[in-house]
Each structure stands twice: as structure tokens, then as C-alpha cells.
């Protein structure tokens, strides 16, 4: 049963990754107009420009979500610490919990995806940030939050015994993640399609991670 669930997660993740790739291609082909900063092209221009005018620009929300983007980084460091402690105590990488090793690999993949899209911009933000044009697709904050924060729920559900603590962590994490994504959406620093892309890629990556963890636990 666990193997079947693990394979389902891998398949589900693969479908979302494929959807993200298709979405990325469509952004560069559908309704492309030079309405970005300095006349740069933006796909789904009519929809994106309408939504940007609708929400307006709210730099305070941008600043808040930007600083709160450090929370997923802290979560990564916490689990890195868990892995390091296990490595020191057991004196062998092969004796570290398999799900922690998979989690470390997963975080590396997320970071590489983050860096890749920063280096190869699909489009640019609708506004200048401190006078600089910045890559906008997919929303890096959305990607970081939706890839990392669900692992906090997933790990604590398995590692903690207190039902009350697990419920609190789950509720707070979901509320935080929703606030971050919605905040990024309405702040006006991203196109609507940037947020959608971030959500698609995050679901795909997390599902694959979850499938790999389920399979590793089953094998163990």
C-alpha cells in the first residue's frame, strides 16, 4: 500500500512538473506583448496587465513578505541541523535517517531551481526593485515557501508525538504559507502568471519528494 502511495505521489509530481514546463512555454508564446519594464515582452499580457492594474502596487506588503521569506530558510537550517546531529552521533552518512537525506537532496534541488530562474529570466517584474530590473518567473518566494513549509508539516507529523503540537504547527504553517502567496500575489511585484508558475513547480517538486520519502520508509 505504501509503495502504491509513493508511486502515486511520484506520478502526481511528474504531472505537475510537466504542467509547469507547458505553462512556461505558453508564457513565451501566448499573447506576448512588450508591456514589461523597458518594453520587455510579457506573455498572457492582457490578463497580466489587467490583474496588475486591479491589485496595484503595495510595497509594504512586498517588504513584509520579503523579510518573512527568511522563515523557510530557517526551517531548512533546522533540518540541516537535525541531519548534522545524526551524522555526528552515528558517524556515518548511511546511518542518518533516509527521509532526512532525501530532504537534504530536495532542498538542494529547490535551491538550484531558484538559482536557475534567477540566472535565466523568463520575464521581468512589472516594477523596478530599487531601480533594478529583476527576474520575475516563477515567483521565487512562492517557490521557496510552498516547497519548504509543507516539509515542516510532513516531518513534524512523523517525528512528534504530541497531537496538539502537531495541529498547531500544521495550522500556523498553512496560515503562513497562504499569507505569503496571497501577499506576493497582491503586492504588485509579480505578474499573475509568475505566481501560478511558482505554485505548479512547488506542488510538483514537493509531491516527488513526498513520494520518495514514502518509498524510503517502506523499504526501511
N, C-alpha and C. Protein backbone atom coordinates (compact mmCIF):
# COMPACT_ATOMS: atom_id res chain seq x y z
N UNK A 1 0.83 -1.21 0.00
CA UNK A 1 0.00 0.00 0.00
C UNK A 1 0.86 1.26 0.00
N UNK A 2 1.91 1.25 0.86
CA UNK A 2 2.79 2.41 0.92
C UNK A 2 3.53 2.63 -0.39
N UNK A 3 3.95 1.51 -1.00
CA UNK A 3 4.64 1.60 -2.29
C UNK A 3 3.71 2.21 -3.33
N UNK A 4 2.45 1.79 -3.30
CA UNK A 4 1.47 2.31 -4.26
C UNK A 4 1.27 3.81 -4.05
N UNK A 5 1.16 4.23 -2.79
CA UNK A 5 1.00 5.65 -2.48
C UNK A 5 2.23 6.45 -2.90
N UNK A 6 3.41 5.86 -2.69
CA UNK A 6 4.64 6.53 -3.09
C UNK A 6 4.70 6.73 -4.58
N UNK A 7 4.33 5.71 -5.33
CA UNK A 7 4.34 5.81 -6.79
C UNK A 7 3.31 6.82 -7.29
N UNK A 8 2.16 6.87 -6.60
CA UNK A 8 1.13 7.85 -6.96
C UNK A 8 1.65 9.27 -6.78
N UNK A 9 2.37 9.50 -5.68
CA UNK A 9 2.94 10.82 -5.44
C UNK A 9 3.98 11.18 -6.51
N UNK A 10 4.80 10.22 -6.88
CA UNK A 10 5.80 10.47 -7.93
C UNK A 10 5.12 10.81 -9.25
N UNK A 11 4.06 10.07 -9.58
CA UNK A 11 3.32 10.32 -10.82
C UNK A 11 2.65 11.69 -10.77
N UNK A 12 2.02 11.97 -9.64
CA UNK A 12 1.34 13.26 -9.45
C UNK A 12 2.33 14.41 -9.60
N UNK A 13 3.50 14.25 -8.97
CA UNK A 13 4.53 15.27 -9.07
C UNK A 13 5.03 15.45 -10.49
N UNK A 14 5.21 14.33 -11.19
CA UNK A 14 5.65 14.39 -12.58
C UNK A 14 4.67 15.13 -13.46
N UNK A 15 3.38 14.92 -13.22
CA UNK A 15 2.33 15.60 -14.00
C UNK A 15 2.40 17.11 -13.77
N UNK A 16 2.61 17.50 -12.51
CA UNK A 16 2.68 18.94 -12.22
C UNK A 16 3.95 19.57 -12.77
N UNK A 17 5.05 18.84 -12.76
CA UNK A 17 6.28 19.36 -13.37
C UNK A 17 6.08 19.56 -14.86
N UNK A 18 5.43 18.57 -15.50
CA UNK A 18 5.15 18.68 -16.94
C UNK A 18 4.21 19.86 -17.22
N UNK A 19 3.23 20.05 -16.34
CA UNK A 19 2.31 21.18 -16.49
C UNK A 19 3.05 22.50 -16.34
N UNK A 20 3.99 22.54 -15.41
CA UNK A 20 4.81 23.74 -15.23
C UNK A 20 5.62 24.04 -16.48
N UNK A 21 6.22 23.00 -17.06
CA UNK A 21 7.01 23.19 -18.28
C UNK A 21 6.11 23.72 -19.40
N UNK A 22 4.92 23.12 -19.55
CA UNK A 22 3.97 23.58 -20.58
C UNK A 22 3.56 25.03 -20.32
N UNK A 23 3.28 25.34 -19.06
CA UNK A 23 2.90 26.71 -18.69
C UNK A 23 4.01 27.69 -19.04
N UNK A 24 5.25 27.30 -18.79
CA UNK A 24 6.40 28.15 -19.10
C UNK A 24 6.51 28.41 -20.61
N UNK A 25 6.28 27.36 -21.39
CA UNK A 25 6.31 27.50 -22.85
C UNK A 25 5.20 28.43 -23.32
N UNK A 26 4.01 28.25 -22.78
CA UNK A 26 2.86 29.07 -23.18
C UNK A 26 3.08 30.54 -22.86
N UNK A 27 3.73 30.81 -21.74
CA UNK A 27 4.00 32.19 -21.35
C UNK A 27 4.85 32.90 -22.40
N UNK A 28 5.68 32.14 -23.08
CA UNK A 28 6.55 32.74 -24.09
C UNK A 28 5.92 32.73 -25.49
N UNK A 29 4.67 32.22 -25.59
CA UNK A 29 4.04 32.12 -26.90
C UNK A 29 2.67 32.79 -27.00
N UNK A 30 1.93 32.83 -25.89
CA UNK A 30 0.55 33.31 -25.92
C UNK A 30 0.45 34.78 -25.53
N UNK A 31 -0.18 35.58 -26.39
CA UNK A 31 -0.44 37.00 -26.13
C UNK A 31 0.81 37.71 -25.60
N UNK A 32 1.90 37.53 -26.30
CA UNK A 32 3.16 38.16 -25.91
C UNK A 32 3.19 39.61 -26.41
N UNK A 33 3.34 40.54 -25.47
CA UNK A 33 3.37 41.96 -25.82
C UNK A 33 4.47 42.66 -25.03
N UNK A 34 5.01 43.76 -25.58
CA UNK A 34 6.12 44.47 -24.91
C UNK A 34 5.62 45.42 -23.82
N UNK A 35 4.90 44.88 -22.85
CA UNK A 35 4.34 45.73 -21.79
C UNK A 35 5.12 45.61 -20.48
N UNK A 36 6.24 44.89 -20.50
CA UNK A 36 7.06 44.78 -19.31
C UNK A 36 7.95 46.00 -19.15
N UNK A 37 8.80 45.97 -18.11
CA UNK A 37 9.72 47.08 -17.86
C UNK A 37 10.63 47.29 -19.07
N UNK A 38 10.80 48.56 -19.45
CA UNK A 38 11.67 48.93 -20.58
C UNK A 38 11.28 48.22 -21.87
N UNK A 39 9.99 47.95 -22.02
CA UNK A 39 9.50 47.34 -23.26
C UNK A 39 9.78 45.87 -23.39
N UNK A 40 10.12 45.21 -22.30
CA UNK A 40 10.37 43.76 -22.36
C UNK A 40 9.05 43.03 -22.56
N UNK A 41 9.14 41.85 -23.19
CA UNK A 41 7.94 41.08 -23.51
C UNK A 41 7.37 40.40 -22.27
N UNK A 42 6.05 40.26 -22.28
CA UNK A 42 5.36 39.53 -21.22
C UNK A 42 4.25 38.70 -21.86
N UNK A 43 4.22 37.41 -21.54
CA UNK A 43 3.18 36.54 -22.06
C UNK A 43 1.87 36.72 -21.32
N UNK A 44 0.77 36.26 -21.93
CA UNK A 44 -0.56 36.46 -21.36
C UNK A 44 -0.71 37.93 -20.94
N UNK A 45 -0.25 38.82 -21.82
CA UNK A 45 -0.13 40.24 -21.48
C UNK A 45 -1.45 40.88 -21.06
N UNK A 46 -2.52 40.58 -21.77
CA UNK A 46 -3.82 41.19 -21.44
C UNK A 46 -4.25 40.82 -20.03
N UNK A 47 -4.16 39.53 -19.70
CA UNK A 47 -4.53 39.06 -18.36
C UNK A 47 -3.59 39.62 -17.31
N UNK A 48 -2.30 39.55 -17.56
CA UNK A 48 -1.32 40.01 -16.58
C UNK A 48 -1.43 41.50 -16.30
N UNK A 49 -1.58 42.29 -17.35
CA UNK A 49 -1.68 43.75 -17.19
C UNK A 49 -2.97 44.14 -16.48
N UNK A 50 -4.06 43.44 -16.82
CA UNK A 50 -5.34 43.72 -16.14
C UNK A 50 -5.22 43.43 -14.65
N UNK A 51 -4.64 42.29 -14.30
CA UNK A 51 -4.53 41.91 -12.89
C UNK A 51 -3.60 42.85 -12.15
N UNK A 52 -2.55 43.30 -12.82
CA UNK A 52 -1.61 44.22 -12.18
C UNK A 52 -2.28 45.56 -11.90
N UNK A 53 -3.10 46.04 -12.84
CA UNK A 53 -3.83 47.29 -12.61
C UNK A 53 -4.86 47.10 -11.50
N UNK A 54 -5.47 45.92 -11.45
CA UNK A 54 -6.50 45.62 -10.46
C UNK A 54 -5.94 45.63 -9.03
N UNK A 55 -4.78 45.02 -8.84
CA UNK A 55 -4.21 44.94 -7.48
C UNK A 55 -3.44 46.19 -7.11
N UNK A 56 -2.81 46.82 -8.10
CA UNK A 56 -1.95 47.95 -7.80
C UNK A 56 -0.64 47.47 -7.19
N UNK A 57 0.16 48.40 -6.71
CA UNK A 57 1.45 48.07 -6.11
C UNK A 57 1.43 48.45 -4.63
N UNK A 58 1.82 47.49 -3.78
CA UNK A 58 1.82 47.72 -2.33
C UNK A 58 3.19 47.31 -1.79
N UNK A 59 4.07 48.27 -1.70
CA UNK A 59 5.45 47.97 -1.32
C UNK A 59 5.58 47.51 0.13
N UNK A 60 4.66 47.92 0.99
CA UNK A 60 4.73 47.46 2.37
C UNK A 60 4.50 45.96 2.44
N UNK A 61 3.52 45.47 1.68
CA UNK A 61 3.25 44.03 1.64
C UNK A 61 4.45 43.31 1.04
N UNK A 62 5.03 43.90 0.01
CA UNK A 62 6.23 43.31 -0.60
C UNK A 62 7.35 43.19 0.43
N UNK A 63 7.58 44.27 1.19
CA UNK A 63 8.67 44.26 2.18
C UNK A 63 8.41 43.23 3.27
N UNK A 64 7.16 43.14 3.74
CA UNK A 64 6.82 42.18 4.80
C UNK A 64 7.05 40.76 4.31
N UNK A 65 6.54 40.43 3.11
CA UNK A 65 6.70 39.08 2.59
C UNK A 65 8.15 38.79 2.23
N UNK A 66 8.89 39.83 1.89
CA UNK A 66 10.31 39.65 1.57
C UNK A 66 11.08 39.23 2.82
N UNK A 67 10.86 39.94 3.93
CA UNK A 67 11.53 39.60 5.19
C UNK A 67 11.06 38.27 5.73
N UNK A 68 9.76 38.00 5.61
CA UNK A 68 9.21 36.74 6.12
C UNK A 68 9.65 35.55 5.27
N UNK A 69 10.22 35.86 4.11
CA UNK A 69 10.78 34.81 3.27
C UNK A 69 11.98 34.13 3.92
N UNK A 70 12.47 34.72 5.00
CA UNK A 70 13.58 34.09 5.74
C UNK A 70 13.11 32.90 6.57
N UNK A 71 11.81 32.82 6.85
CA UNK A 71 11.28 31.72 7.66
C UNK A 71 11.56 30.36 7.02
N UNK A 72 11.27 30.17 5.71
CA UNK A 72 11.62 28.88 5.10
C UNK A 72 13.11 28.58 5.16
N UNK A 73 13.94 29.61 5.10
CA UNK A 73 15.39 29.41 5.20
C UNK A 73 15.74 28.86 6.58
N UNK A 74 15.09 29.40 7.61
CA UNK A 74 15.31 28.92 8.97
C UNK A 74 14.88 27.46 9.11
N UNK A 75 13.75 27.12 8.48
CA UNK A 75 13.27 25.73 8.50
C UNK A 75 14.31 24.80 7.87
N UNK A 76 14.88 25.23 6.75
CA UNK A 76 15.93 24.44 6.09
C UNK A 76 17.12 24.23 7.03
N UNK A 77 17.52 25.29 7.72
CA UNK A 77 18.66 25.21 8.62
C UNK A 77 18.37 24.29 9.81
N UNK A 78 17.14 24.31 10.29
CA UNK A 78 16.77 23.43 11.41
C UNK A 78 16.94 21.97 11.03
N UNK A 79 16.41 21.59 9.86
CA UNK A 79 16.52 20.19 9.44
C UNK A 79 17.94 19.83 9.03
N UNK A 80 18.69 20.82 8.54
CA UNK A 80 20.11 20.58 8.27
C UNK A 80 20.81 20.26 9.59
N UNK A 81 20.41 20.97 10.66
CA UNK A 81 20.97 20.71 11.97
C UNK A 81 20.62 19.32 12.48
N UNK A 82 19.38 18.89 12.23
CA UNK A 82 18.95 17.54 12.62
C UNK A 82 19.82 16.49 11.94
N UNK A 83 20.04 16.69 10.65
CA UNK A 83 20.88 15.75 9.90
C UNK A 83 22.31 15.75 10.38
N UNK A 84 22.83 16.94 10.70
CA UNK A 84 24.22 17.05 11.16
C UNK A 84 24.40 16.35 12.52
N UNK A 85 23.43 16.53 13.41
CA UNK A 85 23.49 15.89 14.72
C UNK A 85 23.49 14.37 14.57
N UNK A 86 22.62 13.86 13.69
CA UNK A 86 22.58 12.42 13.46
C UNK A 86 23.89 11.92 12.87
N UNK A 87 24.45 12.70 11.96
CA UNK A 87 25.72 12.31 11.33
C UNK A 87 26.85 12.24 12.35
N UNK A 88 26.89 13.22 13.25
CA UNK A 88 27.94 13.25 14.28
C UNK A 88 27.77 12.08 15.25
N UNK A 89 26.52 11.82 15.67
CA UNK A 89 26.26 10.76 16.64
C UNK A 89 26.51 9.37 16.05
N UNK A 90 26.08 9.17 14.81
CA UNK A 90 26.15 7.84 14.22
C UNK A 90 27.42 7.62 13.39
N UNK A 91 28.13 8.73 13.13
CA UNK A 91 29.43 8.67 12.45
C UNK A 91 29.37 8.01 11.08
N UNK A 92 28.24 8.06 10.46
CA UNK A 92 28.11 7.51 9.11
C UNK A 92 26.91 8.14 8.42
N UNK A 93 27.12 8.60 7.20
CA UNK A 93 26.02 9.19 6.43
C UNK A 93 24.92 8.16 6.17
N UNK A 94 25.32 6.90 6.04
CA UNK A 94 24.36 5.84 5.73
C UNK A 94 23.46 5.48 6.92
N UNK A 95 23.83 5.98 8.11
CA UNK A 95 23.01 5.72 9.29
C UNK A 95 22.07 6.88 9.62
N UNK A 96 22.20 7.96 8.87
CA UNK A 96 21.27 9.09 9.02
C UNK A 96 19.92 8.66 8.48
N UNK A 97 18.84 9.13 9.10
CA UNK A 97 17.50 8.75 8.65
C UNK A 97 17.35 9.01 7.15
N UNK A 98 16.86 8.03 6.39
CA UNK A 98 16.73 8.19 4.94
C UNK A 98 15.90 9.40 4.53
N UNK A 99 14.84 9.68 5.31
CA UNK A 99 13.98 10.82 4.93
C UNK A 99 14.71 12.15 5.12
N UNK A 100 15.65 12.21 6.06
CA UNK A 100 16.44 13.43 6.25
C UNK A 100 17.42 13.61 5.09
N UNK A 101 18.00 12.52 4.63
CA UNK A 101 18.90 12.59 3.47
C UNK A 101 18.12 13.04 2.23
N UNK A 102 16.95 12.45 2.03
CA UNK A 102 16.10 12.83 0.89
C UNK A 102 15.70 14.30 1.01
N UNK A 103 15.40 14.73 2.24
CA UNK A 103 15.03 16.13 2.47
C UNK A 103 16.17 17.07 2.09
N UNK A 104 17.40 16.68 2.45
CA UNK A 104 18.55 17.49 2.09
C UNK A 104 18.73 17.60 0.59
N UNK A 105 18.58 16.48 -0.10
CA UNK A 105 18.67 16.48 -1.57
C UNK A 105 17.57 17.36 -2.17
N UNK A 106 16.38 17.23 -1.61
CA UNK A 106 15.22 18.01 -2.08
C UNK A 106 15.49 19.51 -1.93
N UNK A 107 16.01 19.91 -0.79
CA UNK A 107 16.31 21.34 -0.57
C UNK A 107 17.35 21.83 -1.58
N UNK A 108 18.32 21.00 -1.90
CA UNK A 108 19.33 21.37 -2.89
C UNK A 108 18.69 21.57 -4.26
N UNK A 109 17.77 20.69 -4.62
CA UNK A 109 17.06 20.80 -5.90
C UNK A 109 16.26 22.10 -5.95
N UNK A 110 15.59 22.43 -4.85
CA UNK A 110 14.81 23.67 -4.78
C UNK A 110 15.72 24.88 -4.95
N UNK A 111 16.85 24.88 -4.27
CA UNK A 111 17.81 25.99 -4.38
C UNK A 111 18.34 26.12 -5.81
N UNK A 112 18.63 24.98 -6.44
CA UNK A 112 19.12 25.01 -7.83
C UNK A 112 18.05 25.57 -8.78
N UNK A 113 16.79 25.19 -8.55
CA UNK A 113 15.69 25.73 -9.37
C UNK A 113 15.59 27.24 -9.17
N UNK A 114 15.72 27.67 -7.93
CA UNK A 114 15.70 29.09 -7.59
C UNK A 114 16.80 29.84 -8.35
N UNK A 115 18.03 29.31 -8.28
CA UNK A 115 19.17 29.96 -8.94
C UNK A 115 19.01 29.96 -10.45
N UNK A 116 18.52 28.84 -11.00
CA UNK A 116 18.37 28.71 -12.45
C UNK A 116 17.48 29.81 -13.02
N UNK A 117 16.33 30.03 -12.39
CA UNK A 117 15.40 31.02 -12.93
C UNK A 117 15.81 32.45 -12.62
N UNK A 118 16.70 32.61 -11.63
CA UNK A 118 17.28 33.94 -11.41
C UNK A 118 18.29 34.28 -12.49
N UNK A 119 19.00 33.26 -12.96
CA UNK A 119 20.04 33.47 -13.98
C UNK A 119 19.48 33.52 -15.39
N UNK A 120 18.35 32.84 -15.62
CA UNK A 120 17.74 32.81 -16.95
C UNK A 120 16.31 33.34 -16.84
N UNK A 121 16.14 34.66 -16.88
CA UNK A 121 14.82 35.26 -16.70
C UNK A 121 13.86 34.90 -17.84
N UNK A 122 12.68 34.41 -17.47
CA UNK A 122 11.62 34.18 -18.45
C UNK A 122 10.92 35.50 -18.73
N UNK A 123 10.71 36.28 -17.68
CA UNK A 123 10.25 37.66 -17.80
C UNK A 123 10.74 38.45 -16.59
N UNK A 124 10.43 39.75 -16.59
CA UNK A 124 10.88 40.61 -15.50
C UNK A 124 9.69 41.12 -14.70
N UNK A 125 9.97 41.55 -13.47
CA UNK A 125 8.92 42.08 -12.62
C UNK A 125 8.21 43.26 -13.30
N UNK A 126 6.94 43.48 -12.95
CA UNK A 126 6.22 44.62 -13.54
C UNK A 126 6.72 45.97 -13.05
N UNK A 127 7.50 45.99 -11.95
CA UNK A 127 8.06 47.24 -11.45
C UNK A 127 9.55 47.05 -11.17
N UNK A 128 10.26 48.15 -11.11
CA UNK A 128 11.67 48.10 -10.75
C UNK A 128 11.80 47.94 -9.24
N UNK A 129 12.77 47.14 -8.81
CA UNK A 129 13.05 46.98 -7.38
C UNK A 129 14.37 47.70 -7.10
N UNK A 130 14.28 48.81 -6.36
CA UNK A 130 15.46 49.65 -6.09
C UNK A 130 16.14 50.07 -7.39
N UNK A 131 15.30 50.36 -8.39
CA UNK A 131 15.81 50.84 -9.67
C UNK A 131 16.40 49.77 -10.57
N UNK A 132 16.23 48.50 -10.19
CA UNK A 132 16.82 47.39 -10.95
C UNK A 132 15.74 46.46 -11.49
N UNK A 133 15.93 46.01 -12.73
CA UNK A 133 15.04 45.00 -13.30
C UNK A 133 15.42 43.64 -12.72
N UNK A 134 14.44 42.94 -12.17
CA UNK A 134 14.70 41.63 -11.57
C UNK A 134 13.86 40.55 -12.25
N UNK A 135 14.43 39.34 -12.30
CA UNK A 135 13.69 38.20 -12.85
C UNK A 135 12.43 37.98 -12.02
N UNK A 136 11.35 37.58 -12.70
CA UNK A 136 10.07 37.51 -12.03
C UNK A 136 9.41 36.14 -12.06
N UNK A 137 9.84 35.29 -12.99
CA UNK A 137 9.17 33.99 -13.17
C UNK A 137 10.11 32.83 -12.87
N UNK A 138 9.59 31.83 -12.13
CA UNK A 138 8.38 31.88 -11.31
C UNK A 138 8.65 32.68 -10.05
N UNK A 139 7.62 33.01 -9.30
CA UNK A 139 7.81 33.74 -8.05
C UNK A 139 8.72 32.93 -7.13
N UNK A 140 9.91 33.45 -6.86
CA UNK A 140 10.88 32.71 -6.05
C UNK A 140 10.42 32.55 -4.61
N UNK A 141 9.73 33.57 -4.09
CA UNK A 141 9.22 33.47 -2.72
C UNK A 141 8.13 32.40 -2.63
N UNK A 142 7.24 32.38 -3.62
CA UNK A 142 6.21 31.34 -3.67
C UNK A 142 6.85 29.97 -3.75
N UNK A 143 7.85 29.84 -4.60
CA UNK A 143 8.56 28.57 -4.75
C UNK A 143 9.19 28.12 -3.43
N UNK A 144 9.87 29.03 -2.77
CA UNK A 144 10.56 28.69 -1.52
C UNK A 144 9.56 28.31 -0.42
N UNK A 145 8.51 29.11 -0.29
CA UNK A 145 7.51 28.86 0.76
C UNK A 145 6.77 27.55 0.54
N UNK A 146 6.27 27.35 -0.67
CA UNK A 146 5.45 26.17 -0.94
C UNK A 146 6.26 24.88 -1.09
N UNK A 147 7.56 25.01 -1.28
CA UNK A 147 8.41 23.81 -1.32
C UNK A 147 8.88 23.43 0.09
N UNK A 148 9.22 24.43 0.89
CA UNK A 148 9.84 24.16 2.20
C UNK A 148 8.82 23.98 3.32
N UNK A 149 7.84 24.87 3.41
CA UNK A 149 6.92 24.84 4.55
C UNK A 149 6.13 23.53 4.66
N UNK A 150 5.68 22.93 3.55
CA UNK A 150 4.99 21.64 3.69
C UNK A 150 5.88 20.55 4.28
N UNK A 151 7.20 20.67 4.10
CA UNK A 151 8.09 19.67 4.70
C UNK A 151 8.12 19.79 6.21
N UNK A 152 7.86 21.00 6.72
CA UNK A 152 7.79 21.18 8.17
C UNK A 152 6.61 20.39 8.73
N UNK A 153 5.46 20.47 8.03
CA UNK A 153 4.28 19.71 8.45
C UNK A 153 4.55 18.22 8.33
N UNK A 154 5.10 17.83 7.20
CA UNK A 154 5.34 16.41 6.92
C UNK A 154 6.32 15.79 7.92
N UNK A 155 7.37 16.49 8.25
CA UNK A 155 8.37 15.97 9.18
C UNK A 155 7.85 15.94 10.61
N UNK A 156 7.18 17.00 11.04
CA UNK A 156 6.68 17.04 12.41
C UNK A 156 5.56 16.03 12.64
N UNK A 157 4.75 15.78 11.61
CA UNK A 157 3.69 14.79 11.73
C UNK A 157 4.28 13.41 12.02
N UNK A 158 5.44 13.14 11.48
CA UNK A 158 6.06 11.83 11.64
C UNK A 158 6.95 11.77 12.90
N UNK A 159 7.55 12.89 13.28
CA UNK A 159 8.56 12.85 14.33
C UNK A 159 8.04 13.24 15.72
N UNK A 160 6.99 14.03 15.78
CA UNK A 160 6.47 14.46 17.08
C UNK A 160 5.35 13.54 17.55
N UNK A 161 5.22 13.40 18.85
CA UNK A 161 4.18 12.53 19.40
C UNK A 161 2.94 13.29 19.85
N UNK A 162 3.12 14.57 20.22
CA UNK A 162 2.01 15.37 20.71
C UNK A 162 1.05 15.77 19.58
N UNK A 163 -0.18 15.32 19.66
CA UNK A 163 -1.19 15.65 18.65
C UNK A 163 -1.48 17.14 18.65
N UNK A 164 -1.53 17.73 19.84
CA UNK A 164 -1.83 19.16 19.95
C UNK A 164 -0.75 20.01 19.27
N UNK A 165 0.51 19.67 19.54
CA UNK A 165 1.62 20.42 18.94
C UNK A 165 1.60 20.27 17.43
N UNK A 166 1.34 19.06 16.95
CA UNK A 166 1.29 18.82 15.50
C UNK A 166 0.17 19.63 14.85
N UNK A 167 -0.98 19.73 15.53
CA UNK A 167 -2.09 20.51 14.98
C UNK A 167 -1.74 21.99 14.91
N UNK A 168 -1.10 22.49 15.96
CA UNK A 168 -0.71 23.91 15.99
C UNK A 168 0.28 24.21 14.87
N UNK A 169 1.30 23.36 14.73
CA UNK A 169 2.30 23.56 13.68
C UNK A 169 1.65 23.53 12.30
N UNK A 170 0.73 22.60 12.08
CA UNK A 170 0.05 22.49 10.79
C UNK A 170 -0.77 23.73 10.48
N UNK A 171 -1.56 24.18 11.45
CA UNK A 171 -2.42 25.36 11.24
C UNK A 171 -1.59 26.61 10.99
N UNK A 172 -0.56 26.81 11.81
CA UNK A 172 0.29 28.00 11.68
C UNK A 172 1.03 27.98 10.33
N UNK A 173 1.52 26.81 9.95
CA UNK A 173 2.26 26.69 8.69
C UNK A 173 1.37 26.95 7.48
N UNK A 174 0.16 26.41 7.49
CA UNK A 174 -0.78 26.64 6.39
C UNK A 174 -1.15 28.12 6.31
N UNK A 175 -1.44 28.73 7.47
CA UNK A 175 -1.79 30.15 7.50
C UNK A 175 -0.64 31.02 6.99
N UNK A 176 0.57 30.69 7.43
CA UNK A 176 1.75 31.44 6.99
C UNK A 176 1.94 31.32 5.48
N UNK A 177 1.83 30.11 4.97
CA UNK A 177 2.03 29.87 3.53
C UNK A 177 0.98 30.61 2.70
N UNK A 178 -0.28 30.56 3.15
CA UNK A 178 -1.35 31.25 2.43
C UNK A 178 -1.11 32.76 2.44
N UNK A 179 -0.71 33.29 3.58
CA UNK A 179 -0.42 34.72 3.68
C UNK A 179 0.70 35.13 2.73
N UNK A 180 1.74 34.33 2.67
CA UNK A 180 2.89 34.65 1.82
C UNK A 180 2.52 34.65 0.34
N UNK A 181 1.80 33.62 -0.09
CA UNK A 181 1.44 33.52 -1.51
C UNK A 181 0.45 34.62 -1.89
N UNK A 182 -0.58 34.82 -1.06
CA UNK A 182 -1.56 35.87 -1.35
C UNK A 182 -0.90 37.24 -1.28
N UNK A 183 -0.02 37.42 -0.29
CA UNK A 183 0.68 38.69 -0.16
C UNK A 183 1.52 38.99 -1.39
N UNK A 184 2.21 37.98 -1.87
CA UNK A 184 3.03 38.15 -3.08
C UNK A 184 2.14 38.44 -4.29
N UNK A 185 0.97 37.82 -4.32
CA UNK A 185 0.05 37.98 -5.44
C UNK A 185 -0.50 39.40 -5.52
N UNK A 186 -0.84 39.98 -4.37
CA UNK A 186 -1.48 41.30 -4.38
C UNK A 186 -0.50 42.45 -4.18
N UNK A 187 0.76 42.13 -3.94
CA UNK A 187 1.74 43.21 -3.71
C UNK A 187 2.07 43.99 -4.98
N UNK A 188 1.84 43.36 -6.13
CA UNK A 188 2.11 44.05 -7.39
C UNK A 188 3.53 43.93 -7.88
N UNK A 189 4.34 43.08 -7.25
CA UNK A 189 5.74 42.92 -7.67
C UNK A 189 5.91 41.72 -8.59
N UNK A 190 4.83 40.99 -8.83
CA UNK A 190 4.86 39.85 -9.74
C UNK A 190 3.67 39.91 -10.69
N UNK A 191 3.85 39.30 -11.84
CA UNK A 191 2.72 39.06 -12.73
C UNK A 191 1.94 37.86 -12.19
N UNK A 192 0.67 37.82 -12.51
CA UNK A 192 -0.18 36.71 -12.07
C UNK A 192 0.40 35.37 -12.51
N UNK A 193 0.91 35.32 -13.73
CA UNK A 193 1.46 34.06 -14.25
C UNK A 193 2.70 33.61 -13.50
N UNK A 194 3.42 34.55 -12.85
CA UNK A 194 4.58 34.18 -12.04
C UNK A 194 4.16 33.36 -10.83
N UNK A 195 3.07 33.78 -10.20
CA UNK A 195 2.57 33.08 -9.02
C UNK A 195 2.07 31.69 -9.41
N UNK A 196 1.33 31.62 -10.51
CA UNK A 196 0.82 30.33 -10.98
C UNK A 196 1.97 29.37 -11.26
N UNK A 197 3.00 29.88 -11.91
CA UNK A 197 4.18 29.06 -12.21
C UNK A 197 4.85 28.56 -10.94
N UNK A 198 4.97 29.43 -9.94
CA UNK A 198 5.57 29.04 -8.67
C UNK A 198 4.78 27.96 -7.96
N UNK A 199 3.45 28.07 -8.02
CA UNK A 199 2.58 27.08 -7.38
C UNK A 199 2.71 25.73 -8.09
N UNK A 200 2.68 25.73 -9.41
CA UNK A 200 2.78 24.48 -10.18
C UNK A 200 4.09 23.76 -9.91
N UNK A 201 5.20 24.50 -9.97
CA UNK A 201 6.52 23.89 -9.76
C UNK A 201 6.65 23.38 -8.32
N UNK A 202 6.14 24.12 -7.36
CA UNK A 202 6.24 23.73 -5.95
C UNK A 202 5.47 22.44 -5.68
N UNK A 203 4.25 22.36 -6.19
CA UNK A 203 3.44 21.14 -5.99
C UNK A 203 4.14 19.94 -6.60
N UNK A 204 4.70 20.14 -7.80
CA UNK A 204 5.40 19.05 -8.47
C UNK A 204 6.60 18.57 -7.69
N UNK A 205 7.44 19.50 -7.25
CA UNK A 205 8.66 19.12 -6.52
C UNK A 205 8.33 18.48 -5.18
N UNK A 206 7.38 19.06 -4.45
CA UNK A 206 7.04 18.51 -3.13
C UNK A 206 6.42 17.13 -3.25
N UNK A 207 5.60 16.92 -4.26
CA UNK A 207 4.96 15.60 -4.45
C UNK A 207 6.01 14.53 -4.73
N UNK A 208 7.00 14.88 -5.54
CA UNK A 208 8.07 13.93 -5.83
C UNK A 208 8.88 13.63 -4.57
N UNK A 209 9.18 14.67 -3.80
CA UNK A 209 9.87 14.48 -2.52
C UNK A 209 9.07 13.57 -1.61
N UNK A 210 7.78 13.83 -1.49
CA UNK A 210 6.92 13.04 -0.60
C UNK A 210 6.86 11.59 -1.05
N UNK A 211 6.78 11.39 -2.37
CA UNK A 211 6.77 10.02 -2.89
C UNK A 211 8.06 9.29 -2.58
N UNK A 212 9.18 9.99 -2.71
CA UNK A 212 10.48 9.38 -2.42
C UNK A 212 10.60 9.02 -0.94
N UNK A 213 10.07 9.87 -0.07
CA UNK A 213 10.10 9.59 1.38
C UNK A 213 9.25 8.38 1.71
N UNK A 214 8.05 8.31 1.16
CA UNK A 214 7.16 7.18 1.41
C UNK A 214 7.82 5.87 0.98
N UNK A 215 8.46 5.88 -0.16
CA UNK A 215 9.13 4.68 -0.66
C UNK A 215 10.33 4.31 0.21
N UNK A 216 11.05 5.32 0.70
CA UNK A 216 12.21 5.04 1.55
C UNK A 216 11.79 4.45 2.88
N UNK A 217 10.70 4.92 3.43
CA UNK A 217 10.18 4.40 4.70
C UNK A 217 9.68 2.97 4.51
N UNK A 218 9.02 2.73 3.38
CA UNK A 218 8.51 1.40 3.08
C UNK A 218 9.65 0.40 2.96
N UNK A 219 10.72 0.83 2.26
CA UNK A 219 11.88 -0.06 2.08
C UNK A 219 12.59 -0.34 3.39
N UNK A 220 12.60 0.72 4.26
CA UNK A 220 13.27 0.55 5.55
C UNK A 220 12.50 -0.44 6.43
